[in-house]
């Protein structure tokens, strides 16, 4: 199998269809957290990738990536975690008691 390289500086647009329900939820969260829907989706994708890689006990995914991917991913993951934590704190702070 060919190894795939990571180029974190390259931005790729991914287009997908979501339901009106999902869009409304994203709008509300984005508004409350002062984020864009794109940023929220990037955080969700990062969490998805993190979960899959952590459970990749046979190293199927990792074996296809170049060495050093984990350094890049850990940086992305940490940035997402900080943003997510701030968002959750903001929502908890604005929640009625």
PDB file of N, CA and C in Angstrom:
ATOM      1  N   UNK A   1       0.822  -1.188   0.000  1.00  0.00           N
ATOM      2  CA  UNK A   1       0.000   0.000   0.000  1.00  0.00           C
ATOM      3  C   UNK A   1       0.864   1.249   0.000  1.00  0.00           C
ATOM      4  N   UNK A   2       0.405   2.234  -0.722  1.00  0.00           N
ATOM      5  CA  UNK A   2       1.110   3.499  -0.815  1.00  0.00           C
ATOM      6  C   UNK A   2       0.849   4.327   0.437  1.00  0.00           C
ATOM      7  N   UNK A   3       1.916   4.961   0.946  1.00  0.00           N
ATOM      8  CA  UNK A   3       1.770   5.836   2.116  1.00  0.00           C
ATOM      9  C   UNK A   3       1.229   7.183   1.658  1.00  0.00           C
ATOM     10  N   UNK A   4       0.354   7.741   2.460  1.00  0.00           N
ATOM     11  CA  UNK A   4      -0.241   9.035   2.139  1.00  0.00           C
ATOM     12  C   UNK A   4       0.420  10.109   2.972  1.00  0.00           C
ATOM     13  N   UNK A   5       0.711  11.220   2.351  1.00  0.00           N
ATOM     14  CA  UNK A   5       1.364  12.303   3.087  1.00  0.00           C
ATOM     15  C   UNK A   5       0.326  13.275   3.625  1.00  0.00           C
ATOM     16  N   UNK A   6       0.739  14.008   4.629  1.00  0.00           N
ATOM     17  CA  UNK A   6      -0.121  15.030   5.218  1.00  0.00           C
ATOM     18  C   UNK A   6       0.428  16.395   4.868  1.00  0.00           C
ATOM     19  N   UNK A   7      -0.423  17.255   4.399  1.00  0.00           N
ATOM     20  CA  UNK A   7      -0.020  18.612   4.068  1.00  0.00           C
ATOM     21  C   UNK A   7      -0.985  19.557   4.769  1.00  0.00           C
ATOM     22  N   UNK A   8      -0.727  19.832   6.056  1.00  0.00           N
ATOM     23  CA  UNK A   8      -1.688  20.613   6.830  1.00  0.00           C
ATOM     24  C   UNK A   8      -1.872  22.045   6.347  1.00  0.00           C
ATOM     25  N   UNK A   9      -0.923  22.566   5.590  1.00  0.00           N
ATOM     26  CA  UNK A   9      -1.047  23.940   5.118  1.00  0.00           C
ATOM     27  C   UNK A   9      -1.995  24.033   3.923  1.00  0.00           C
ATOM     28  N   UNK A  10      -2.224  22.925   3.250  1.00  0.00           N
ATOM     29  CA  UNK A  10      -3.126  22.922   2.108  1.00  0.00           C
ATOM     30  C   UNK A  10      -4.563  22.815   2.600  1.00  0.00           C
ATOM     31  N   UNK A  11      -5.395  23.730   2.167  1.00  0.00           N
ATOM     32  CA  UNK A  11      -6.807  23.736   2.550  1.00  0.00           C
ATOM     33  C   UNK A  11      -7.614  23.111   1.415  1.00  0.00           C
ATOM     34  N   UNK A  12      -8.441  22.149   1.770  1.00  0.00           N
ATOM     35  CA  UNK A  12      -9.279  21.456   0.799  1.00  0.00           C
ATOM     36  C   UNK A  12     -10.733  21.671   1.197  1.00  0.00           C
ATOM     37  N   UNK A  13     -11.557  22.038   0.247  1.00  0.00           N
ATOM     38  CA  UNK A  13     -12.977  22.242   0.515  1.00  0.00           C
ATOM     39  C   UNK A  13     -13.709  20.916   0.370  1.00  0.00           C
ATOM     40  N   UNK A  14     -14.502  20.597   1.387  1.00  0.00           N
ATOM     41  CA  UNK A  14     -15.343  19.401   1.344  1.00  0.00           C
ATOM     42  C   UNK A  14     -16.788  19.878   1.414  1.00  0.00           C
ATOM     43  N   UNK A  15     -17.568  19.460   0.461  1.00  0.00           N
ATOM     44  CA  UNK A  15     -18.972  19.850   0.430  1.00  0.00           C
ATOM     45  C   UNK A  15     -19.825  18.642   0.786  1.00  0.00           C
ATOM     46  N   UNK A  16     -20.796  18.858   1.647  1.00  0.00           N
ATOM     47  CA  UNK A  16     -21.684  17.766   2.030  1.00  0.00           C
ATOM     48  C   UNK A  16     -23.080  18.319   2.288  1.00  0.00           C
ATOM     49  N   UNK A  17     -24.049  17.462   2.221  1.00  0.00           N
ATOM     50  CA  UNK A  17     -25.420  17.868   2.508  1.00  0.00           C
ATOM     51  C   UNK A  17     -25.752  17.469   3.935  1.00  0.00           C
ATOM     52  N   UNK A  18     -26.422  18.369   4.641  1.00  0.00           N
ATOM     53  CA  UNK A  18     -26.893  18.072   5.984  1.00  0.00           C
ATOM     54  C   UNK A  18     -28.372  18.416   6.049  1.00  0.00           C
ATOM     55  N   UNK A  19     -29.029  17.901   7.066  1.00  0.00           N
ATOM     56  CA  UNK A  19     -30.458  18.186   7.209  1.00  0.00           C
ATOM     57  C   UNK A  19     -30.650  19.593   7.761  1.00  0.00           C
ATOM     58  N   UNK A  20     -31.848  20.098   7.596  1.00  0.00           N
ATOM     59  CA  UNK A  20     -32.186  21.406   8.155  1.00  0.00           C
ATOM     60  C   UNK A  20     -32.043  21.372   9.677  1.00  0.00           C
ATOM     61  N   UNK A  21     -32.379  20.251  10.263  1.00  0.00           N
ATOM     62  CA  UNK A  21     -32.252  20.056  11.712  1.00  0.00           C
ATOM     63  C   UNK A  21     -30.799  20.231  12.148  1.00  0.00           C
ATOM     64  N   UNK A  22     -29.871  19.534  11.466  1.00  0.00           N
ATOM     65  CA  UNK A  22     -28.445  19.651  11.797  1.00  0.00           C
ATOM     66  C   UNK A  22     -27.948  21.072  11.576  1.00  0.00           C
ATOM     67  N   UNK A  23     -28.404  21.691  10.508  1.00  0.00           N
ATOM     68  CA  UNK A  23     -28.000  23.059  10.207  1.00  0.00           C
ATOM     69  C   UNK A  23     -28.461  24.026  11.291  1.00  0.00           C
ATOM     70  N   UNK A  24     -29.690  23.850  11.761  1.00  0.00           N
ATOM     71  CA  UNK A  24     -30.220  24.715  12.820  1.00  0.00           C
ATOM     72  C   UNK A  24     -29.409  24.562  14.097  1.00  0.00           C
ATOM     73  N   UNK A  25     -29.090  23.325  14.458  1.00  0.00           N
ATOM     74  CA  UNK A  25     -28.280  23.090  15.658  1.00  0.00           C
ATOM     75  C   UNK A  25     -26.908  23.739  15.505  1.00  0.00           C
ATOM     76  N   UNK A  26     -26.290  23.567  14.339  1.00  0.00           N
ATOM     77  CA  UNK A  26     -24.987  24.202  14.100  1.00  0.00           C
ATOM     78  C   UNK A  26     -25.085  25.722  14.192  1.00  0.00           C
ATOM     79  N   UNK A  27     -26.160  26.289  13.650  1.00  0.00           N
ATOM     80  CA  UNK A  27     -26.358  27.743  13.735  1.00  0.00           C
ATOM     81  C   UNK A  27     -26.423  28.212  15.183  1.00  0.00           C
ATOM     82  N   UNK A  28     -27.186  27.501  15.999  1.00  0.00           N
ATOM     83  CA  UNK A  28     -27.346  27.881  17.408  1.00  0.00           C
ATOM     84  C   UNK A  28     -26.018  27.764  18.150  1.00  0.00           C
ATOM     85  N   UNK A  29     -25.333  26.633  17.974  1.00  0.00           N
ATOM     86  CA  UNK A  29     -24.046  26.441  18.658  1.00  0.00           C
ATOM     87  C   UNK A  29     -23.031  27.474  18.183  1.00  0.00           C
ATOM     88  N   UNK A  30     -22.964  27.687  16.884  1.00  0.00           N
ATOM     89  CA  UNK A  30     -22.019  28.663  16.332  1.00  0.00           C
ATOM     90  C   UNK A  30     -22.285  30.051  16.901  1.00  0.00           C
ATOM     91  N   UNK A  31     -23.551  30.411  16.996  1.00  0.00           N
ATOM     92  CA  UNK A  31     -23.914  31.717  17.542  1.00  0.00           C
ATOM     93  C   UNK A  31     -23.528  31.827  19.014  1.00  0.00           C
ATOM     94  N   UNK A  32     -23.848  30.816  19.788  1.00  0.00           N
ATOM     95  CA  UNK A  32     -23.546  30.834  21.226  1.00  0.00           C
ATOM     96  C   UNK A  32     -22.045  30.833  21.506  1.00  0.00           C
ATOM     97  N   UNK A  33     -21.286  30.167  20.660  1.00  0.00           N
ATOM     98  CA  UNK A  33     -19.841  30.032  20.892  1.00  0.00           C
ATOM     99  C   UNK A  33     -19.018  31.036  20.099  1.00  0.00           C
ATOM    100  N   UNK A  34     -19.700  31.872  19.321  1.00  0.00           N
ATOM    101  CA  UNK A  34     -19.019  32.869  18.498  1.00  0.00           C
ATOM    102  C   UNK A  34     -18.011  32.198  17.555  1.00  0.00           C
ATOM    103  N   UNK A  35     -18.469  31.130  16.903  1.00  0.00           N
ATOM    104  CA  UNK A  35     -17.656  30.384  15.949  1.00  0.00           C
ATOM    105  C   UNK A  35     -18.410  30.280  14.631  1.00  0.00           C
ATOM    106  N   UNK A  36     -17.696  29.890  13.598  1.00  0.00           N
ATOM    107  CA  UNK A  36     -18.358  29.600  12.329  1.00  0.00           C
ATOM    108  C   UNK A  36     -18.780  28.132  12.318  1.00  0.00           C
ATOM    109  N   UNK A  37     -19.743  27.831  11.458  1.00  0.00           N
ATOM    110  CA  UNK A  37     -20.142  26.431  11.313  1.00  0.00           C
ATOM    111  C   UNK A  37     -18.970  25.613  10.778  1.00  0.00           C
ATOM    112  N   UNK A  38     -18.172  26.204   9.923  1.00  0.00           N
ATOM    113  CA  UNK A  38     -17.001  25.497   9.390  1.00  0.00           C
ATOM    114  C   UNK A  38     -16.058  25.075  10.502  1.00  0.00           C
ATOM    115  N   UNK A  39     -15.829  25.961  11.459  1.00  0.00           N
ATOM    116  CA  UNK A  39     -14.944  25.636  12.581  1.00  0.00           C
ATOM    117  C   UNK A  39     -15.538  24.503  13.412  1.00  0.00           C
ATOM    118  N   UNK A  40     -16.844  24.545  13.645  1.00  0.00           N
ATOM    119  CA  UNK A  40     -17.498  23.472  14.396  1.00  0.00           C
ATOM    120  C   UNK A  40     -17.365  22.132  13.675  1.00  0.00           C
ATOM    121  N   UNK A  41     -17.522  22.150  12.371  1.00  0.00           N
ATOM    122  CA  UNK A  41     -17.408  20.919  11.596  1.00  0.00           C
ATOM    123  C   UNK A  41     -15.973  20.402  11.621  1.00  0.00           C
ATOM    124  N   UNK A  42     -14.994  21.310  11.555  1.00  0.00           N
ATOM    125  CA  UNK A  42     -13.589  20.888  11.651  1.00  0.00           C
ATOM    126  C   UNK A  42     -13.310  20.235  13.004  1.00  0.00           C
ATOM    127  N   UNK A  43     -13.877  20.791  14.065  1.00  0.00           N
ATOM    128  CA  UNK A  43     -13.709  20.198  15.399  1.00  0.00           C
ATOM    129  C   UNK A  43     -14.328  18.800  15.427  1.00  0.00           C
ATOM    130  N   UNK A  44     -15.520  18.667  14.857  1.00  0.00           N
ATOM    131  CA  UNK A  44     -16.196  17.364  14.834  1.00  0.00           C
ATOM    132  C   UNK A  44     -15.394  16.336  14.034  1.00  0.00           C
ATOM    133  N   UNK A  45     -14.850  16.751  12.912  1.00  0.00           N
ATOM    134  CA  UNK A  45     -14.036  15.842  12.100  1.00  0.00           C
ATOM    135  C   UNK A  45     -12.780  15.432  12.859  1.00  0.00           C
ATOM    136  N   UNK A  46     -12.163  16.384  13.550  1.00  0.00           N
ATOM    137  CA  UNK A  46     -10.970  16.079  14.343  1.00  0.00           C
ATOM    138  C   UNK A  46     -11.287  15.056  15.419  1.00  0.00           C
ATOM    139  N   UNK A  47     -12.426  15.237  16.113  1.00  0.00           N
ATOM    140  CA  UNK A  47     -12.830  14.276  17.150  1.00  0.00           C
ATOM    141  C   UNK A  47     -13.090  12.896  16.534  1.00  0.00           C
ATOM    142  N   UNK A  48     -13.707  12.857  15.370  1.00  0.00           N
ATOM    143  CA  UNK A  48     -13.967  11.599  14.677  1.00  0.00           C
ATOM    144  C   UNK A  48     -12.657  10.892  14.330  1.00  0.00           C
ATOM    145  N   UNK A  49     -11.727  11.626  13.733  1.00  0.00           N
ATOM    146  CA  UNK A  49     -10.428  11.055  13.365  1.00  0.00           C
ATOM    147  C   UNK A  49      -9.698  10.557  14.603  1.00  0.00           C
ATOM    148  N   UNK A  50      -9.709  11.356  15.659  1.00  0.00           N
ATOM    149  CA  UNK A  50      -9.040  10.975  16.904  1.00  0.00           C
ATOM    150  C   UNK A  50      -9.588   9.647  17.430  1.00  0.00           C
ATOM    151  N   UNK A  51     -10.900   9.522  17.457  1.00  0.00           N
ATOM    152  CA  UNK A  51     -11.541   8.306  17.972  1.00  0.00           C
ATOM    153  C   UNK A  51     -11.181   7.087  17.120  1.00  0.00           C
ATOM    154  N   UNK A  52     -11.201   7.250  15.817  1.00  0.00           N
ATOM    155  CA  UNK A  52     -10.880   6.130  14.929  1.00  0.00           C
ATOM    156  C   UNK A  52      -9.421   5.716  15.083  1.00  0.00           C
ATOM    157  N   UNK A  53      -8.507   6.684  15.113  1.00  0.00           N
ATOM    158  CA  UNK A  53      -7.083   6.366  15.254  1.00  0.00           C
ATOM    159  C   UNK A  53      -6.807   5.697  16.596  1.00  0.00           C
ATOM    160  N   UNK A  54      -7.448   6.169  17.662  1.00  0.00           N
ATOM    161  CA  UNK A  54      -7.248   5.563  18.979  1.00  0.00           C
ATOM    162  C   UNK A  54      -7.714   4.110  19.011  1.00  0.00           C
ATOM    163  N   UNK A  55      -8.708   3.792  18.217  1.00  0.00           N
ATOM    164  CA  UNK A  55      -9.252   2.436  18.197  1.00  0.00           C
ATOM    165  C   UNK A  55      -8.717   1.589  17.044  1.00  0.00           C
ATOM    166  N   UNK A  56      -7.738   2.102  16.349  1.00  0.00           N
ATOM    167  CA  UNK A  56      -7.110   1.398  15.229  1.00  0.00           C
ATOM    168  C   UNK A  56      -6.048   0.445  15.778  1.00  0.00           C
ATOM    169  N   UNK A  57      -6.504  -0.605  16.450  1.00  0.00           N
ATOM    170  CA  UNK A  57      -5.575  -1.516  17.135  1.00  0.00           C
ATOM    171  C   UNK A  57      -4.679  -2.290  16.171  1.00  0.00           C
ATOM    172  N   UNK A  58      -5.102  -2.421  14.931  1.00  0.00           N
ATOM    173  CA  UNK A  58      -4.275  -3.118  13.941  1.00  0.00           C
ATOM    174  C   UNK A  58      -3.440  -2.150  13.104  1.00  0.00           C
ATOM    175  N   UNK A  59      -3.471  -0.870  13.451  1.00  0.00           N
ATOM    176  CA  UNK A  59      -2.687   0.169  12.761  1.00  0.00           C
ATOM    177  C   UNK A  59      -2.971   0.256  11.259  1.00  0.00           C
ATOM    178  N   UNK A  60      -4.191  -0.008  10.882  1.00  0.00           N
ATOM    179  CA  UNK A  60      -4.564   0.050   9.467  1.00  0.00           C
ATOM    180  C   UNK A  60      -4.417   1.472   8.938  1.00  0.00           C
ATOM    181  N   UNK A  61      -4.949   2.435   9.672  1.00  0.00           N
ATOM    182  CA  UNK A  61      -4.877   3.834   9.239  1.00  0.00           C
ATOM    183  C   UNK A  61      -3.448   4.343   9.358  1.00  0.00           C
ATOM    184  N   UNK A  62      -2.860   4.137  10.506  1.00  0.00           N
ATOM    185  CA  UNK A  62      -1.519   4.661  10.784  1.00  0.00           C
ATOM    186  C   UNK A  62      -0.482   4.131   9.801  1.00  0.00           C
ATOM    187  N   UNK A  63      -0.623   2.901   9.355  1.00  0.00           N
ATOM    188  CA  UNK A  63       0.356   2.319   8.433  1.00  0.00           C
ATOM    189  C   UNK A  63       0.337   2.992   7.066  1.00  0.00           C
ATOM    190  N   UNK A  64      -0.735   3.692   6.749  1.00  0.00           N
ATOM    191  CA  UNK A  64      -0.844   4.363   5.446  1.00  0.00           C
ATOM    192  C   UNK A  64      -0.397   5.806   5.479  1.00  0.00           C
ATOM    193  N   UNK A  65      -0.060   6.305   6.661  1.00  0.00           N
ATOM    194  CA  UNK A  65       0.366   7.696   6.799  1.00  0.00           C
ATOM    195  C   UNK A  65       1.874   7.764   6.995  1.00  0.00           C
ATOM    196  N   UNK A  66       2.463   8.860   6.557  1.00  0.00           N
ATOM    197  CA  UNK A  66       3.907   9.015   6.729  1.00  0.00           C
ATOM    198  C   UNK A  66       4.240   9.217   8.198  1.00  0.00           C
ATOM    199  N   UNK A  67       5.468   8.900   8.556  1.00  0.00           N
ATOM    200  CA  UNK A  67       5.867   9.122   9.943  1.00  0.00           C
ATOM    201  C   UNK A  67       5.809  10.618  10.221  1.00  0.00           C
ATOM    202  N   UNK A  68       5.465  10.950  11.415  1.00  0.00           N
ATOM    203  CA  UNK A  68       5.332  12.354  11.790  1.00  0.00           C
ATOM    204  C   UNK A  68       3.908  12.876  11.699  1.00  0.00           C
ATOM    205  N   UNK A  69       2.998  12.059  11.157  1.00  0.00           N
ATOM    206  CA  UNK A  69       1.613  12.516  11.056  1.00  0.00           C
ATOM    207  C   UNK A  69       1.055  12.835  12.437  1.00  0.00           C
ATOM    208  N   UNK A  70       1.502  12.066  13.438  1.00  0.00           N
ATOM    209  CA  UNK A  70       0.959  12.246  14.782  1.00  0.00           C
ATOM    210  C   UNK A  70       1.341  13.598  15.374  1.00  0.00           C
ATOM    211  N   UNK A  71       2.489  14.136  15.007  1.00  0.00           N
ATOM    212  CA  UNK A  71       2.890  15.460  15.494  1.00  0.00           C
ATOM    213  C   UNK A  71       1.937  16.514  14.939  1.00  0.00           C
ATOM    214  N   UNK A  72       1.668  16.423  13.648  1.00  0.00           N
ATOM    215  CA  UNK A  72       0.748  17.367  13.005  1.00  0.00           C
ATOM    216  C   UNK A  72      -0.650  17.208  13.589  1.00  0.00           C
ATOM    217  N   UNK A  73      -1.113  15.967  13.697  1.00  0.00           N
ATOM    218  CA  UNK A  73      -2.464  15.726  14.191  1.00  0.00           C
ATOM    219  C   UNK A  73      -2.611  16.164  15.641  1.00  0.00           C
ATOM    220  N   UNK A  74      -1.593  15.937  16.457  1.00  0.00           N
ATOM    221  CA  UNK A  74      -1.669  16.358  17.860  1.00  0.00           C
ATOM    222  C   UNK A  74      -1.819  17.865  17.986  1.00  0.00           C
ATOM    223  N   UNK A  75      -1.171  18.616  17.111  1.00  0.00           N
ATOM    224  CA  UNK A  75      -1.320  20.075  17.111  1.00  0.00           C
ATOM    225  C   UNK A  75      -2.747  20.464  16.737  1.00  0.00           C
ATOM    226  N   UNK A  76      -3.259  19.858  15.680  1.00  0.00           N
ATOM    227  CA  UNK A  76      -4.635  20.133  15.249  1.00  0.00           C
ATOM    228  C   UNK A  76      -5.616  19.743  16.353  1.00  0.00           C
ATOM    229  N   UNK A  77      -5.389  18.577  16.947  1.00  0.00           N
ATOM    230  CA  UNK A  77      -6.259  18.066  18.011  1.00  0.00           C
ATOM    231  C   UNK A  77      -6.256  19.005  19.218  1.00  0.00           C
ATOM    232  N   UNK A  78      -5.093  19.490  19.603  1.00  0.00           N
ATOM    233  CA  UNK A  78      -4.993  20.392  20.760  1.00  0.00           C
ATOM    234  C   UNK A  78      -5.710  21.712  20.487  1.00  0.00           C
ATOM    235  N   UNK A  79      -5.532  22.261  19.285  1.00  0.00           N
ATOM    236  CA  UNK A  79      -6.234  23.497  18.913  1.00  0.00           C
ATOM    237  C   UNK A  79      -7.747  23.298  18.968  1.00  0.00           C
ATOM    238  N   UNK A  80      -8.215  22.167  18.458  1.00  0.00           N
ATOM    239  CA  UNK A  80      -9.649  21.872  18.479  1.00  0.00           C
ATOM    240  C   UNK A  80     -10.161  21.715  19.901  1.00  0.00           C
ATOM    241  N   UNK A  81      -9.381  21.045  20.742  1.00  0.00           N
ATOM    242  CA  UNK A  81      -9.780  20.832  22.139  1.00  0.00           C
ATOM    243  C   UNK A  81      -9.915  22.162  22.873  1.00  0.00           C
ATOM    244  N   UNK A  82      -8.976  23.064  22.668  1.00  0.00           N
ATOM    245  CA  UNK A  82      -9.029  24.382  23.315  1.00  0.00           C
ATOM    246  C   UNK A  82     -10.292  25.121  22.884  1.00  0.00           C
ATOM    247  N   UNK A  83     -10.560  25.129  21.585  1.00  0.00           N
ATOM    248  CA  UNK A  83     -11.750  25.813  21.065  1.00  0.00           C
ATOM    249  C   UNK A  83     -13.023  25.164  21.589  1.00  0.00           C
ATOM    250  N   UNK A  84     -13.072  23.842  21.607  1.00  0.00           N
ATOM    251  CA  UNK A  84     -14.247  23.123  22.107  1.00  0.00           C
ATOM    252  C   UNK A  84     -14.462  23.396  23.590  1.00  0.00           C
ATOM    253  N   UNK A  85     -13.397  23.367  24.373  1.00  0.00           N
ATOM    254  CA  UNK A  85     -13.503  23.651  25.811  1.00  0.00           C
ATOM    255  C   UNK A  85     -14.029  25.061  26.067  1.00  0.00           C
ATOM    256  N   UNK A  86     -13.548  26.035  25.291  1.00  0.00           N
ATOM    257  CA  UNK A  86     -14.029  27.416  25.434  1.00  0.00           C
ATOM    258  C   UNK A  86     -15.513  27.503  25.091  1.00  0.00           C
ATOM    259  N   UNK A  87     -15.911  26.800  24.046  1.00  0.00           N
ATOM    260  CA  UNK A  87     -17.313  26.803  23.625  1.00  0.00           C
ATOM    261  C   UNK A  87     -18.198  26.202  24.713  1.00  0.00           C
ATOM    262  N   UNK A  88     -17.788  25.066  25.242  1.00  0.00           N
ATOM    263  CA  UNK A  88     -18.572  24.405  26.294  1.00  0.00           C
ATOM    264  C   UNK A  88     -18.645  25.282  27.536  1.00  0.00           C
ATOM    265  N   UNK A  89     -17.541  25.891  27.914  1.00  0.00           N
ATOM    266  CA  UNK A  89     -17.535  26.789  29.079  1.00  0.00           C
ATOM    267  C   UNK A  89     -18.474  27.965  28.864  1.00  0.00           C
ATOM    268  N   UNK A  90     -18.458  28.489  27.649  1.00  0.00           N
ATOM    269  CA  UNK A  90     -19.325  29.629  27.334  1.00  0.00           C
ATOM    270  C   UNK A  90     -20.799  29.229  27.435  1.00  0.00           C
ATOM    271  N   UNK A  91     -21.128  28.051  26.922  1.00  0.00           N
ATOM    272  CA  UNK A  91     -22.515  27.576  26.981  1.00  0.00           C
ATOM    273  C   UNK A  91     -22.926  27.294  28.425  1.00  0.00           C
ATOM    274  N   UNK A  92     -22.060  26.667  29.182  1.00  0.00           N
ATOM    275  CA  UNK A  92     -22.370  26.394  30.588  1.00  0.00           C
ATOM    276  C   UNK A  92     -22.558  27.686  31.371  1.00  0.00           C
ATOM    277  N   UNK A  93     -21.770  28.690  31.048  1.00  0.00           N
ATOM    278  CA  UNK A  93     -21.863  29.974  31.740  1.00  0.00           C
ATOM    279  C   UNK A  93     -23.141  30.724  31.424  1.00  0.00           C
ATOM    280  N   UNK A  94     -23.702  30.470  30.230  1.00  0.00           N
ATOM    281  CA  UNK A  94     -24.921  31.187  29.844  1.00  0.00           C
ATOM    282  C   UNK A  94     -26.182  30.376  30.123  1.00  0.00           C
ATOM    283  N   UNK A  95     -25.997  29.162  30.648  1.00  0.00           N
ATOM    284  CA  UNK A  95     -27.156  28.309  30.920  1.00  0.00           C
ATOM    285  C   UNK A  95     -27.915  28.812  32.141  1.00  0.00           C
ATOM    286  N   UNK A  96     -29.251  28.775  32.093  1.00  0.00           N
ATOM    287  CA  UNK A  96     -30.027  29.204  33.258  1.00  0.00           C
ATOM    288  C   UNK A  96     -29.807  28.262  34.438  1.00  0.00           C
ATOM    289  N   UNK A  97     -29.831  28.826  35.634  1.00  0.00           N
ATOM    290  CA  UNK A  97     -29.604  28.035  36.858  1.00  0.00           C
ATOM    291  C   UNK A  97     -30.909  27.478  37.360  1.00  0.00           C
TER     292      UNK A  97
END
